Amino acid sequence: MDENEVIKICKALGDRNRLKIIQILLSGEKCVCVIDEYLKITQPTLSHHMKVLGECKLVNSRRDGKWVYYSINKDTVDRFKGFFGDLVIGDEGCCCGK
């Protein structure tokens, strides 16, 4: 995962509502109407949050009739977690040699 992807995800998760959406989706795929029940925000605001989460590939969406269902994109989450796992500093110190 490159720096730009990480920055985009961090910015997306820096919003309280988007973080709540991710927490809601951790239990599985949800219809947008279910997400709306939890957050109690306007439909345009929810659409904006889902767009941001989709643009950084944190969530997948699928349409079934008039409903849209969202789920966590496990590949992106695994790559994001891997990025932070690689940040562990060993005995040799930081990358600048100090």
Protein backbone atom coordinates (compact mmCIF):
# COMPACT_ATOMS: atom_id res chain seq x y z
CA MET A 1 0.00 0.00 0.00
CA ASP A 2 1.50 3.34 -0.97
CA GLU A 3 1.56 6.50 1.13
CA ASN A 4 -1.24 8.20 -0.79
CA GLU A 5 -3.61 5.29 -0.15
CA VAL A 6 -2.74 5.30 3.56
CA ILE A 7 -3.27 9.07 3.81
CA LYS A 8 -6.66 8.82 2.07
CA ILE A 9 -7.79 6.06 4.45
CA CYS A 10 -6.56 7.93 7.53
CA LYS A 11 -8.44 11.04 6.45
CA ALA A 12 -11.58 9.01 5.84
CA LEU A 13 -11.36 7.38 9.27
CA GLY A 14 -10.73 10.75 10.92
CA ASP A 15 -14.43 11.54 10.70
CA ARG A 16 -16.59 10.28 13.59
CA ASN A 17 -19.51 9.24 11.36
CA ARG A 18 -17.31 7.35 8.91
CA LEU A 19 -15.59 5.56 11.77
CA LYS A 20 -19.03 4.59 13.11
CA ILE A 21 -20.00 3.28 9.67
CA ILE A 22 -16.92 1.05 9.62
CA GLN A 23 -17.77 -0.22 13.10
CA ILE A 24 -21.33 -1.00 11.96
CA LEU A 25 -20.04 -2.90 8.92
CA LEU A 26 -17.61 -5.00 10.96
CA SER A 27 -20.50 -7.32 11.82
CA GLY A 28 -21.27 -7.91 8.13
CA GLU A 29 -22.95 -6.45 5.07
CA LYS A 30 -25.64 -3.88 5.78
CA CYS A 31 -28.29 -2.12 3.74
CA VAL A 32 -27.86 1.64 3.60
CA CYS A 33 -31.20 1.94 5.43
CA VAL A 34 -29.75 0.04 8.42
CA ILE A 35 -26.68 2.28 8.53
CA ASP A 36 -28.99 5.29 8.43
CA GLU A 37 -30.94 3.99 11.45
CA TYR A 38 -27.76 3.89 13.53
CA LEU A 39 -26.44 7.31 12.57
CA LYS A 40 -29.64 9.35 12.23
CA ILE A 41 -28.12 11.74 9.68
CA THR A 42 -29.59 13.11 6.46
CA GLN A 43 -29.52 10.94 3.35
CA PRO A 44 -27.23 13.34 1.43
CA THR A 45 -24.77 13.37 4.34
CA LEU A 46 -24.79 9.57 4.54
CA SER A 47 -24.28 9.36 0.77
CA HIS A 48 -21.27 11.66 1.07
CA HIS A 49 -19.72 9.51 3.81
CA MET A 50 -20.29 6.33 1.80
CA LYS A 51 -18.72 7.96 -1.26
CA VAL A 52 -15.59 8.88 0.73
CA LEU A 53 -15.32 5.35 2.16
CA GLY A 54 -15.81 3.87 -1.30
CA GLU A 55 -13.22 6.15 -2.93
CA CYS A 56 -10.52 4.93 -0.56
CA LYS A 57 -11.75 1.37 -1.12
CA LEU A 58 -12.61 0.70 2.54
CA VAL A 59 -16.12 -0.41 1.61
CA ASN A 60 -17.69 -2.38 -1.21
CA SER A 61 -21.18 -1.65 -2.46
CA ARG A 62 -23.74 -3.66 -4.38
CA ARG A 63 -27.18 -2.74 -5.59
CA ASP A 64 -30.15 -5.03 -5.17
CA GLY A 65 -33.24 -3.39 -6.63
CA LYS A 66 -33.64 0.02 -5.05
CA TRP A 67 -31.37 -0.79 -2.08
CA VAL A 68 -27.61 -0.47 -1.81
CA TYR A 69 -25.72 -2.85 0.45
CA TYR A 70 -22.29 -2.06 1.89
CA SER A 71 -19.57 -4.29 3.29
CA ILE A 72 -15.98 -3.95 4.46
CA ASN A 73 -13.36 -4.40 1.74
CA LYS A 74 -11.22 -6.96 3.55
CA ASP A 75 -8.37 -6.72 1.05
CA THR A 76 -7.93 -2.99 1.67
CA VAL A 77 -8.23 -3.43 5.45
CA ASP A 78 -5.62 -6.22 5.42
CA ARG A 79 -3.23 -4.11 3.34
CA PHE A 80 -3.81 -1.12 5.64
CA LYS A 81 -3.09 -3.24 8.72
CA GLY A 82 0.02 -4.60 7.01
CA PHE A 83 1.29 -1.08 6.42
CA PHE A 84 1.14 -0.34 10.14
CA GLY A 85 2.66 -3.71 10.99
CA ASP A 86 5.68 -2.72 8.89
CA LEU A 87 6.14 0.46 10.97
CA VAL A 88 7.52 -1.40 13.99
CA ILE A 89 10.95 -0.01 14.83
CA GLY A 90 13.53 -2.61 15.70
CA ASP A 91 16.77 -2.38 17.66
CA GLU A 92 18.46 -0.57 14.81
CA GLY A 93 16.37 2.55 15.49
CA CYS A 94 14.70 4.70 12.90
CA CYS A 95 15.30 4.75 9.17
CA CYS A 96 17.58 7.79 9.43
CA GLY A 97 20.16 5.77 11.37
CA LYS A 98 19.67 7.43 14.79
